[in-house]
């Protein structure tokens, strides 16, 4: 039975190019279906073992952990010739890739932009490789999605801290572009704004360097802290920079009730930042053990601790 999300009228080229994720790790139901379409006994034993209970560990090691794709699997069992209906039935849907805008409709009402990191390992990224090869005037299909969660404070008396690494700087450029337009339009801006940005090198991936420095000069950005993980001297990562400025951080978050935004990698950076904030506010305020965790939880409940993160 074919999935209901497949179009009823289409070409195979369109299906495999735009609807099916041919690079997804093959799951066991697909492997079981491939057994009966494999002719050479040795190949048949291989695929049968991978989808068996006894071959569970081998499946995890060879297929799951190594992120094996369907094409790599078929290359391993060359006598397997599945009909296209088997692939249509078992391959997962090719999901859209979400990106946060790095622009503001106040600053550029007719233009949108976003920042992405070109993925090359363990294999070239699907969306980022495609985007990196786009030519000028190429039409791109975009599915707009409105987010009400990760936005700068509307109240310009509200202070906030932005923490991002790599392409996690993207949405904060939109925040700052909007803040600059409102300032230039004469709106009173009493709240402060602090950006902590992490990259590898001053010369290679310090994104928007001139723009950010100009925003500091204009008073749009109150404080700019930049870390370089591949260079000697100074803090290496964003959490190190925040810890270095711990007294100011605690003053902003606890005394001034500033909002706190984090954008970037969920497993490493975002988790490390949260643990550092919990530790710093607890120690600097002389609270009992566990109070820092409770305070960050309270910030989340008050919608003062917000994340735009990915794995």
C-alpha atoms as a PDB file:
ATOM      1  CA  UNK A   1       0.000   0.000   0.000  1.00  0.00           C
ATOM      2  CA  UNK A   2       1.399   3.372  -1.025  1.00  0.00           C
ATOM      3  CA  UNK A   3       1.628   6.224   1.485  1.00  0.00           C
ATOM      4  CA  UNK A   4      -1.268   8.692   1.345  1.00  0.00           C
ATOM      5  CA  UNK A   5       1.137  11.655   1.112  1.00  0.00           C
ATOM      6  CA  UNK A   6       2.453  10.586  -2.283  1.00  0.00           C
ATOM      7  CA  UNK A   7       0.844  12.469  -5.200  1.00  0.00           C
ATOM      8  CA  UNK A   8      -1.489  10.291  -7.213  1.00  0.00           C
ATOM      9  CA  UNK A   9      -0.274  11.670 -10.532  1.00  0.00           C
ATOM     10  CA  UNK A  10       3.458  12.158 -10.970  1.00  0.00           C
ATOM     11  CA  UNK A  11       6.624  10.883 -12.621  1.00  0.00           C
ATOM     12  CA  UNK A  12       9.126   8.645 -10.897  1.00  0.00           C
ATOM     13  CA  UNK A  13      11.726  11.394 -11.281  1.00  0.00           C
ATOM     14  CA  UNK A  14       9.516  13.844  -9.374  1.00  0.00           C
ATOM     15  CA  UNK A  15       8.752  11.300  -6.664  1.00  0.00           C
ATOM     16  CA  UNK A  16      12.361  10.380  -5.999  1.00  0.00           C
ATOM     17  CA  UNK A  17      13.616  13.946  -6.325  1.00  0.00           C
ATOM     18  CA  UNK A  18      11.025  15.858  -4.329  1.00  0.00           C
ATOM     19  CA  UNK A  19       8.966  13.459  -2.198  1.00  0.00           C
ATOM     20  CA  UNK A  20      11.045  10.451  -1.075  1.00  0.00           C
ATOM     21  CA  UNK A  21      14.064  10.550   1.213  1.00  0.00           C
ATOM     22  CA  UNK A  22      16.415   8.171  -0.600  1.00  0.00           C
ATOM     23  CA  UNK A  23      19.233   9.034   1.819  1.00  0.00           C
ATOM     24  CA  UNK A  24      17.388   7.969   4.959  1.00  0.00           C
ATOM     25  CA  UNK A  25      18.755   5.010   6.935  1.00  0.00           C
ATOM     26  CA  UNK A  26      16.842   1.899   5.719  1.00  0.00           C
ATOM     27  CA  UNK A  27      14.592   0.479   8.432  1.00  0.00           C
ATOM     28  CA  UNK A  28      14.007  -3.210   9.039  1.00  0.00           C
ATOM     29  CA  UNK A  29      10.617  -3.457   7.273  1.00  0.00           C
ATOM     30  CA  UNK A  30      12.318  -2.309   4.073  1.00  0.00           C
ATOM     31  CA  UNK A  31      15.142  -4.817   4.590  1.00  0.00           C
ATOM     32  CA  UNK A  32      12.621  -7.633   5.011  1.00  0.00           C
ATOM     33  CA  UNK A  33      10.954  -6.629   1.761  1.00  0.00           C
ATOM     34  CA  UNK A  34      14.311  -6.674  -0.032  1.00  0.00           C
ATOM     35  CA  UNK A  35      15.035 -10.313   0.890  1.00  0.00           C
ATOM     36  CA  UNK A  36      12.549 -11.785  -1.599  1.00  0.00           C
ATOM     37  CA  UNK A  37      13.951  -9.612  -4.397  1.00  0.00           C
ATOM     38  CA  UNK A  38      17.547 -10.763  -3.852  1.00  0.00           C
ATOM     39  CA  UNK A  39      18.709 -13.622  -6.089  1.00  0.00           C
ATOM     40  CA  UNK A  40      22.226 -14.556  -4.957  1.00  0.00           C
ATOM     41  CA  UNK A  41      22.167 -16.625  -1.766  1.00  0.00           C
ATOM     42  CA  UNK A  42      25.112 -14.838  -0.142  1.00  0.00           C
ATOM     43  CA  UNK A  43      23.429 -11.440  -0.657  1.00  0.00           C
ATOM     44  CA  UNK A  44      20.154 -12.842   0.600  1.00  0.00           C
ATOM     45  CA  UNK A  45      21.818 -14.112   3.787  1.00  0.00           C
ATOM     46  CA  UNK A  46      23.378 -10.672   4.365  1.00  0.00           C
ATOM     47  CA  UNK A  47      20.139  -8.743   4.174  1.00  0.00           C
ATOM     48  CA  UNK A  48      18.200 -11.445   6.054  1.00  0.00           C
ATOM     49  CA  UNK A  49      20.711 -11.285   8.898  1.00  0.00           C
ATOM     50  CA  UNK A  50      20.465  -7.485   9.102  1.00  0.00           C
ATOM     51  CA  UNK A  51      16.703  -7.591   9.604  1.00  0.00           C
ATOM     52  CA  UNK A  52      16.682 -10.592  11.934  1.00  0.00           C
ATOM     53  CA  UNK A  53      16.548 -10.571  15.722  1.00  0.00           C
ATOM     54  CA  UNK A  54      19.952 -12.262  15.851  1.00  0.00           C
ATOM     55  CA  UNK A  55      21.443  -9.580  13.622  1.00  0.00           C
ATOM     56  CA  UNK A  56      20.244  -6.672  15.726  1.00  0.00           C
ATOM     57  CA  UNK A  57      23.712  -5.593  16.805  1.00  0.00           C
ATOM     58  CA  UNK A  58      25.054  -5.932  13.263  1.00  0.00           C
ATOM     59  CA  UNK A  59      22.192  -3.765  11.979  1.00  0.00           C
ATOM     60  CA  UNK A  60      22.974  -1.091  14.564  1.00  0.00           C
ATOM     61  CA  UNK A  61      26.687  -1.102  13.720  1.00  0.00           C
ATOM     62  CA  UNK A  62      26.616  -1.451   9.933  1.00  0.00           C
ATOM     63  CA  UNK A  63      23.408   0.382   9.095  1.00  0.00           C
ATOM     64  CA  UNK A  64      22.127   2.639  11.868  1.00  0.00           C
ATOM     65  CA  UNK A  65      25.314   3.948  13.445  1.00  0.00           C
ATOM     66  CA  UNK A  66      27.111   4.409  10.122  1.00  0.00           C
ATOM     67  CA  UNK A  67      24.064   6.220   8.666  1.00  0.00           C
ATOM     68  CA  UNK A  68      23.973   3.876   5.679  1.00  0.00           C
ATOM     69  CA  UNK A  69      21.727   4.990   2.815  1.00  0.00           C
ATOM     70  CA  UNK A  70      19.572   2.850   0.518  1.00  0.00           C
ATOM     71  CA  UNK A  71      22.047   3.238  -2.347  1.00  0.00           C
ATOM     72  CA  UNK A  72      24.918   2.084  -0.146  1.00  0.00           C
ATOM     73  CA  UNK A  73      22.847  -0.896   0.996  1.00  0.00           C
ATOM     74  CA  UNK A  74      21.998  -1.913  -2.568  1.00  0.00           C
ATOM     75  CA  UNK A  75      25.670  -1.616  -3.527  1.00  0.00           C
ATOM     76  CA  UNK A  76      26.451  -4.086  -0.730  1.00  0.00           C
ATOM     77  CA  UNK A  77      23.910  -6.617  -2.092  1.00  0.00           C
ATOM     78  CA  UNK A  78      24.177  -6.165  -5.895  1.00  0.00           C
ATOM     79  CA  UNK A  79      21.825  -9.039  -6.737  1.00  0.00           C
ATOM     80  CA  UNK A  80      18.920  -7.230  -5.049  1.00  0.00           C
ATOM     81  CA  UNK A  81      16.549  -5.771  -7.636  1.00  0.00           C
ATOM     82  CA  UNK A  82      13.473  -4.456  -5.810  1.00  0.00           C
ATOM     83  CA  UNK A  83      10.479  -3.261  -7.822  1.00  0.00           C
ATOM     84  CA  UNK A  84       9.812   0.448  -7.559  1.00  0.00           C
ATOM     85  CA  UNK A  85       6.580  -0.190  -5.640  1.00  0.00           C
ATOM     86  CA  UNK A  86       8.604  -1.604  -2.710  1.00  0.00           C
ATOM     87  CA  UNK A  87      10.658   1.581  -2.526  1.00  0.00           C
ATOM     88  CA  UNK A  88       7.587   3.796  -2.817  1.00  0.00           C
ATOM     89  CA  UNK A  89       5.951   1.904   0.022  1.00  0.00           C
ATOM     90  CA  UNK A  90       8.892   1.931   2.439  1.00  0.00           C
ATOM     91  CA  UNK A  91      10.987   5.040   1.824  1.00  0.00           C
ATOM     92  CA  UNK A  92      10.150   7.876   4.241  1.00  0.00           C
ATOM     93  CA  UNK A  93       8.890  11.258   3.216  1.00  0.00           C
ATOM     94  CA  UNK A  94      11.429  13.917   2.259  1.00  0.00           C
ATOM     95  CA  UNK A  95      10.696  16.574   4.856  1.00  0.00           C
ATOM     96  CA  UNK A  96      11.263  20.296   4.295  1.00  0.00           C
ATOM     97  CA  UNK A  97      14.320  21.793   5.975  1.00  0.00           C
ATOM     98  CA  UNK A  98      13.413  24.684   8.314  1.00  0.00           C
ATOM     99  CA  UNK A  99      15.641  27.770   8.465  1.00  0.00           C
ATOM    100  CA  UNK A 100      15.177  30.839  10.640  1.00  0.00           C
ATOM    101  CA  UNK A 101      15.192  34.150   8.818  1.00  0.00           C
ATOM    102  CA  UNK A 102      18.134  36.488   9.349  1.00  0.00           C
ATOM    103  CA  UNK A 103      16.199  39.491   8.056  1.00  0.00           C
ATOM    104  CA  UNK A 104      13.507  41.797   9.405  1.00  0.00           C
ATOM    105  CA  UNK A 105      10.416  42.915   7.450  1.00  0.00           C
ATOM    106  CA  UNK A 106      10.887  46.360   8.992  1.00  0.00           C
ATOM    107  CA  UNK A 107      14.368  46.672   7.466  1.00  0.00           C
ATOM    108  CA  UNK A 108      13.859  44.820   4.158  1.00  0.00           C
ATOM    109  CA  UNK A 109      10.114  44.370   3.522  1.00  0.00           C
ATOM    110  CA  UNK A 110      10.607  42.813   0.069  1.00  0.00           C
ATOM    111  CA  UNK A 111      13.624  40.609   0.803  1.00  0.00           C
ATOM    112  CA  UNK A 112      14.229  37.632   3.062  1.00  0.00           C
ATOM    113  CA  UNK A 113      17.533  36.024   3.988  1.00  0.00           C
ATOM    114  CA  UNK A 114      18.834  33.186   6.095  1.00  0.00           C
ATOM    115  CA  UNK A 115      22.213  31.817   7.164  1.00  0.00           C
ATOM    116  CA  UNK A 116      23.279  28.189   6.751  1.00  0.00           C
ATOM    117  CA  UNK A 117      26.384  26.088   7.323  1.00  0.00           C
ATOM    118  CA  UNK A 118      27.456  23.954   4.376  1.00  0.00           C
ATOM    119  CA  UNK A 119      27.346  20.369   5.638  1.00  0.00           C
ATOM    120  CA  UNK A 120      30.066  18.096   4.238  1.00  0.00           C
ATOM    121  CA  UNK A 121      30.455  15.376   6.888  1.00  0.00           C
ATOM    122  CA  UNK A 122      29.619  12.525   7.251  1.00  0.00           C
ATOM    123  CA  UNK A 123      28.187  13.200   3.779  1.00  0.00           C
ATOM    124  CA  UNK A 124      27.179  16.382   1.918  1.00  0.00           C
ATOM    125  CA  UNK A 125      24.001  17.898   3.334  1.00  0.00           C
ATOM    126  CA  UNK A 126      20.979  17.677   1.076  1.00  0.00           C
ATOM    127  CA  UNK A 127      19.606  21.203   1.428  1.00  0.00           C
ATOM    128  CA  UNK A 128      22.859  23.045   2.122  1.00  0.00           C
ATOM    129  CA  UNK A 129      24.651  21.493  -0.874  1.00  0.00           C
ATOM    130  CA  UNK A 130      21.737  22.429  -3.120  1.00  0.00           C
ATOM    131  CA  UNK A 131      21.584  25.994  -1.777  1.00  0.00           C
ATOM    132  CA  UNK A 132      25.341  26.500  -2.089  1.00  0.00           C
ATOM    133  CA  UNK A 133      25.101  25.762  -5.827  1.00  0.00           C
ATOM    134  CA  UNK A 134      22.191  28.113  -6.566  1.00  0.00           C
ATOM    135  CA  UNK A 135      22.740  30.752  -9.227  1.00  0.00           C
ATOM    136  CA  UNK A 136      21.409  34.309  -9.207  1.00  0.00           C
ATOM    137  CA  UNK A 137      17.714  34.618 -10.144  1.00  0.00           C
ATOM    138  CA  UNK A 138      17.034  30.926  -9.446  1.00  0.00           C
ATOM    139  CA  UNK A 139      13.498  30.293  -8.229  1.00  0.00           C
ATOM    140  CA  UNK A 140      13.338  28.639  -4.828  1.00  0.00           C
ATOM    141  CA  UNK A 141      10.241  27.047  -3.314  1.00  0.00           C
ATOM    142  CA  UNK A 142       9.701  28.324   0.227  1.00  0.00           C
ATOM    143  CA  UNK A 143       7.032  27.226   2.682  1.00  0.00           C
ATOM    144  CA  UNK A 144       6.581  30.154   5.119  1.00  0.00           C
ATOM    145  CA  UNK A 145       6.055  29.206   8.724  1.00  0.00           C
ATOM    146  CA  UNK A 146       5.182  31.863  11.285  1.00  0.00           C
ATOM    147  CA  UNK A 147       6.895  31.552  14.632  1.00  0.00           C
ATOM    148  CA  UNK A 148       5.566  33.458  17.631  1.00  0.00           C
ATOM    149  CA  UNK A 149       8.096  32.026  20.084  1.00  0.00           C
ATOM    150  CA  UNK A 150      11.577  33.140  19.003  1.00  0.00           C
ATOM    151  CA  UNK A 151      11.216  36.885  18.516  1.00  0.00           C
ATOM    152  CA  UNK A 152      12.883  39.954  20.023  1.00  0.00           C
ATOM    153  CA  UNK A 153      10.960  41.761  22.768  1.00  0.00           C
ATOM    154  CA  UNK A 154       8.503  44.300  21.397  1.00  0.00           C
ATOM    155  CA  UNK A 155       9.104  46.459  24.464  1.00  0.00           C
ATOM    156  CA  UNK A 156      12.316  48.422  23.833  1.00  0.00           C
ATOM    157  CA  UNK A 157      12.805  48.873  27.583  1.00  0.00           C
ATOM    158  CA  UNK A 158      13.322  45.101  27.898  1.00  0.00           C
ATOM    159  CA  UNK A 159      16.988  44.057  27.931  1.00  0.00           C
ATOM    160  CA  UNK A 160      18.023  40.781  26.330  1.00  0.00           C
ATOM    161  CA  UNK A 161      21.023  38.518  25.742  1.00  0.00           C
ATOM    162  CA  UNK A 162      21.527  36.604  22.482  1.00  0.00           C
ATOM    163  CA  UNK A 163      23.832  33.576  22.373  1.00  0.00           C
ATOM    164  CA  UNK A 164      24.643  31.875  19.080  1.00  0.00           C
ATOM    165  CA  UNK A 165      27.406  29.903  17.395  1.00  0.00           C
ATOM    166  CA  UNK A 166      28.074  29.569  13.673  1.00  0.00           C
ATOM    167  CA  UNK A 167      24.910  29.901  11.610  1.00  0.00           C
ATOM    168  CA  UNK A 168      23.060  30.332  14.921  1.00  0.00           C
ATOM    169  CA  UNK A 169      23.880  34.018  14.476  1.00  0.00           C
ATOM    170  CA  UNK A 170      21.274  34.184  11.677  1.00  0.00           C
ATOM    171  CA  UNK A 171      18.048  35.036  13.526  1.00  0.00           C
ATOM    172  CA  UNK A 172      19.889  37.478  15.776  1.00  0.00           C
ATOM    173  CA  UNK A 173      20.845  39.527  12.725  1.00  0.00           C
ATOM    174  CA  UNK A 174      17.109  39.853  12.102  1.00  0.00           C
ATOM    175  CA  UNK A 175      16.623  40.919  15.724  1.00  0.00           C
ATOM    176  CA  UNK A 176      19.314  43.571  15.373  1.00  0.00           C
ATOM    177  CA  UNK A 177      18.137  44.828  11.971  1.00  0.00           C
ATOM    178  CA  UNK A 178      14.688  45.424  13.461  1.00  0.00           C
ATOM    179  CA  UNK A 179      16.158  47.091  16.532  1.00  0.00           C
ATOM    180  CA  UNK A 180      18.244  49.416  14.352  1.00  0.00           C
ATOM    181  CA  UNK A 181      15.261  50.459  12.222  1.00  0.00           C
ATOM    182  CA  UNK A 182      13.183  51.225  15.319  1.00  0.00           C
ATOM    183  CA  UNK A 183      16.039  53.255  16.799  1.00  0.00           C
ATOM    184  CA  UNK A 184      16.514  55.200  13.562  1.00  0.00           C
ATOM    185  CA  UNK A 185      12.768  55.870  13.465  1.00  0.00           C
ATOM    186  CA  UNK A 186      13.101  57.699  16.785  1.00  0.00           C
ATOM    187  CA  UNK A 187      11.643  55.115  19.152  1.00  0.00           C
ATOM    188  CA  UNK A 188      12.999  55.387  22.694  1.00  0.00           C
ATOM    189  CA  UNK A 189      15.316  52.481  23.474  1.00  0.00           C
ATOM    190  CA  UNK A 190      16.141  52.102  27.170  1.00  0.00           C
ATOM    191  CA  UNK A 191      16.716  48.344  27.237  1.00  0.00           C
ATOM    192  CA  UNK A 192      20.194  46.928  26.595  1.00  0.00           C
ATOM    193  CA  UNK A 193      21.175  44.280  24.066  1.00  0.00           C
ATOM    194  CA  UNK A 194      24.121  41.852  24.361  1.00  0.00           C
ATOM    195  CA  UNK A 195      25.284  39.432  21.660  1.00  0.00           C
ATOM    196  CA  UNK A 196      27.601  36.509  22.402  1.00  0.00           C
ATOM    197  CA  UNK A 197      28.742  34.919  19.142  1.00  0.00           C
ATOM    198  CA  UNK A 198      31.006  31.907  18.713  1.00  0.00           C
ATOM    199  CA  UNK A 199      32.980  31.034  15.589  1.00  0.00           C
ATOM    200  CA  UNK A 200      36.254  29.319  14.700  1.00  0.00           C
ATOM    201  CA  UNK A 201      38.469  32.041  13.319  1.00  0.00           C
ATOM    202  CA  UNK A 202      38.559  35.826  12.927  1.00  0.00           C
ATOM    203  CA  UNK A 203      39.488  35.519   9.265  1.00  0.00           C
ATOM    204  CA  UNK A 204      37.282  32.630   8.127  1.00  0.00           C
ATOM    205  CA  UNK A 205      33.835  32.613   9.717  1.00  0.00           C
ATOM    206  CA  UNK A 206      33.372  35.794  11.738  1.00  0.00           C
ATOM    207  CA  UNK A 207      30.062  36.466  10.004  1.00  0.00           C
ATOM    208  CA  UNK A 208      28.724  40.032   9.639  1.00  0.00           C
ATOM    209  CA  UNK A 209      31.821  41.421  11.387  1.00  0.00           C
ATOM    210  CA  UNK A 210      31.581  44.938   9.941  1.00  0.00           C
ATOM    211  CA  UNK A 211      27.816  45.121  10.399  1.00  0.00           C
ATOM    212  CA  UNK A 212      28.011  44.061  14.053  1.00  0.00           C
ATOM    213  CA  UNK A 213      30.788  46.520  14.823  1.00  0.00           C
ATOM    214  CA  UNK A 214      28.766  49.282  13.184  1.00  0.00           C
ATOM    215  CA  UNK A 215      25.754  48.378  15.307  1.00  0.00           C
ATOM    216  CA  UNK A 216      27.887  48.738  18.424  1.00  0.00           C
ATOM    217  CA  UNK A 217      28.981  52.199  17.252  1.00  0.00           C
ATOM    218  CA  UNK A 218      25.364  53.199  16.597  1.00  0.00           C
ATOM    219  CA  UNK A 219      24.279  52.057  20.063  1.00  0.00           C
ATOM    220  CA  UNK A 220      21.971  49.388  18.637  1.00  0.00           C
ATOM    221  CA  UNK A 221      24.097  46.670  20.237  1.00  0.00           C
ATOM    222  CA  UNK A 222      25.158  47.430  23.812  1.00  0.00           C
ATOM    223  CA  UNK A 223      27.741  44.669  24.188  1.00  0.00           C
ATOM    224  CA  UNK A 224      29.403  42.362  21.656  1.00  0.00           C
ATOM    225  CA  UNK A 225      31.373  39.294  22.801  1.00  0.00           C
ATOM    226  CA  UNK A 226      32.960  37.059  20.155  1.00  0.00           C
ATOM    227  CA  UNK A 227      34.811  33.792  20.784  1.00  0.00           C
ATOM    228  CA  UNK A 228      37.209  31.971  18.445  1.00  0.00           C
ATOM    229  CA  UNK A 229      37.532  28.248  19.107  1.00  0.00           C
ATOM    230  CA  UNK A 230      40.540  27.710  16.815  1.00  0.00           C
ATOM    231  CA  UNK A 231      42.642  30.644  17.988  1.00  0.00           C
ATOM    232  CA  UNK A 232      44.951  31.110  20.938  1.00  0.00           C
ATOM    233  CA  UNK A 233      44.002  33.370  23.833  1.00  0.00           C
ATOM    234  CA  UNK A 234      40.580  34.394  25.094  1.00  0.00           C
ATOM    235  CA  UNK A 235      37.507  32.248  25.689  1.00  0.00           C
ATOM    236  CA  UNK A 236      37.033  29.411  23.190  1.00  0.00           C
ATOM    237  CA  UNK A 237      33.276  28.933  23.290  1.00  0.00           C
ATOM    238  CA  UNK A 238      30.190  31.041  24.004  1.00  0.00           C
ATOM    239  CA  UNK A 239      29.636  29.443  27.416  1.00  0.00           C
ATOM    240  CA  UNK A 240      33.241  30.318  28.322  1.00  0.00           C
ATOM    241  CA  UNK A 241      32.613  33.947  27.366  1.00  0.00           C
ATOM    242  CA  UNK A 242      29.453  34.103  29.461  1.00  0.00           C
ATOM    243  CA  UNK A 243      31.269  32.586  32.420  1.00  0.00           C
ATOM    244  CA  UNK A 244      34.043  35.153  32.028  1.00  0.00           C
ATOM    245  CA  UNK A 245      31.412  37.913  32.249  1.00  0.00           C
ATOM    246  CA  UNK A 246      29.454  36.083  34.954  1.00  0.00           C
ATOM    247  CA  UNK A 247      28.828  39.078  37.193  1.00  0.00           C
ATOM    248  CA  UNK A 248      27.343  41.088  34.330  1.00  0.00           C
ATOM    249  CA  UNK A 249      25.358  38.077  33.154  1.00  0.00           C
ATOM    250  CA  UNK A 250      23.796  37.556  36.576  1.00  0.00           C
ATOM    251  CA  UNK A 251      22.999  41.274  36.838  1.00  0.00           C
ATOM    252  CA  UNK A 252      21.184  41.132  33.500  1.00  0.00           C
ATOM    253  CA  UNK A 253      19.297  37.874  34.088  1.00  0.00           C
ATOM    254  CA  UNK A 254      18.444  38.159  37.789  1.00  0.00           C
ATOM    255  CA  UNK A 255      18.512  41.856  38.696  1.00  0.00           C
ATOM    256  CA  UNK A 256      17.293  43.353  35.404  1.00  0.00           C
ATOM    257  CA  UNK A 257      15.128  40.341  34.432  1.00  0.00           C
ATOM    258  CA  UNK A 258      16.579  40.341  30.910  1.00  0.00           C
ATOM    259  CA  UNK A 259      15.421  37.796  28.351  1.00  0.00           C
ATOM    260  CA  UNK A 260      17.850  35.138  27.161  1.00  0.00           C
ATOM    261  CA  UNK A 261      17.954  33.669  23.639  1.00  0.00           C
ATOM    262  CA  UNK A 262      20.009  30.704  22.438  1.00  0.00           C
ATOM    263  CA  UNK A 263      20.379  29.604  18.820  1.00  0.00           C
ATOM    264  CA  UNK A 264      22.485  26.759  17.437  1.00  0.00           C
ATOM    265  CA  UNK A 265      23.448  23.173  18.118  1.00  0.00           C
ATOM    266  CA  UNK A 266      21.256  21.508  20.743  1.00  0.00           C
ATOM    267  CA  UNK A 267      23.554  18.776  22.005  1.00  0.00           C
ATOM    268  CA  UNK A 268      26.759  20.684  22.539  1.00  0.00           C
ATOM    269  CA  UNK A 269      26.353  24.429  22.627  1.00  0.00           C
ATOM    270  CA  UNK A 270      22.782  24.889  23.878  1.00  0.00           C
ATOM    271  CA  UNK A 271      23.088  22.299  26.628  1.00  0.00           C
ATOM    272  CA  UNK A 272      26.459  23.697  27.707  1.00  0.00           C
ATOM    273  CA  UNK A 273      25.067  27.239  27.822  1.00  0.00           C
ATOM    274  CA  UNK A 274      22.105  26.209  29.969  1.00  0.00           C
ATOM    275  CA  UNK A 275      24.291  24.316  32.441  1.00  0.00           C
ATOM    276  CA  UNK A 276      26.664  27.264  32.657  1.00  0.00           C
ATOM    277  CA  UNK A 277      23.823  29.739  33.317  1.00  0.00           C
ATOM    278  CA  UNK A 278      22.406  27.477  36.030  1.00  0.00           C
ATOM    279  CA  UNK A 279      25.816  27.188  37.677  1.00  0.00           C
ATOM    280  CA  UNK A 280      26.738  30.874  37.450  1.00  0.00           C
ATOM    281  CA  UNK A 281      23.491  32.360  38.795  1.00  0.00           C
ATOM    282  CA  UNK A 282      23.534  29.875  41.679  1.00  0.00           C
ATOM    283  CA  UNK A 283      27.138  30.598  42.709  1.00  0.00           C
ATOM    284  CA  UNK A 284      27.093  34.352  42.152  1.00  0.00           C
ATOM    285  CA  UNK A 285      23.888  34.751  44.139  1.00  0.00           C
ATOM    286  CA  UNK A 286      25.009  32.374  46.885  1.00  0.00           C
ATOM    287  CA  UNK A 287      21.933  30.220  46.441  1.00  0.00           C
ATOM    288  CA  UNK A 288      21.550  26.662  47.685  1.00  0.00           C
ATOM    289  CA  UNK A 289      22.360  23.764  45.396  1.00  0.00           C
ATOM    290  CA  UNK A 290      19.670  23.244  42.770  1.00  0.00           C
ATOM    291  CA  UNK A 291      18.357  26.812  42.885  1.00  0.00           C
ATOM    292  CA  UNK A 292      20.110  27.680  39.623  1.00  0.00           C
ATOM    293  CA  UNK A 293      18.262  24.906  37.813  1.00  0.00           C
ATOM    294  CA  UNK A 294      14.995  26.134  39.296  1.00  0.00           C
ATOM    295  CA  UNK A 295      15.708  29.719  38.227  1.00  0.00           C
ATOM    296  CA  UNK A 296      16.319  28.745  34.585  1.00  0.00           C
ATOM    297  CA  UNK A 297      13.134  26.662  34.679  1.00  0.00           C
ATOM    298  CA  UNK A 298      11.303  29.720  35.992  1.00  0.00           C
ATOM    299  CA  UNK A 299      12.786  31.816  33.162  1.00  0.00           C
ATOM    300  CA  UNK A 300      11.404  29.307  30.664  1.00  0.00           C
ATOM    301  CA  UNK A 301       7.977  29.461  32.284  1.00  0.00           C
ATOM    302  CA  UNK A 302       8.081  33.267  32.090  1.00  0.00           C
ATOM    303  CA  UNK A 303       9.187  32.955  28.440  1.00  0.00           C
ATOM    304  CA  UNK A 304      12.452  34.733  29.214  1.00  0.00           C
ATOM    305  CA  UNK A 305      14.644  31.755  28.247  1.00  0.00           C
ATOM    306  CA  UNK A 306      14.051  30.880  24.596  1.00  0.00           C
ATOM    307  CA  UNK A 307      15.810  28.511  22.216  1.00  0.00           C
ATOM    308  CA  UNK A 308      15.965  27.982  18.475  1.00  0.00           C
ATOM    309  CA  UNK A 309      18.091  24.861  18.356  1.00  0.00           C
ATOM    310  CA  UNK A 310      18.682  21.817  16.177  1.00  0.00           C
ATOM    311  CA  UNK A 311      20.554  18.488  16.250  1.00  0.00           C
END
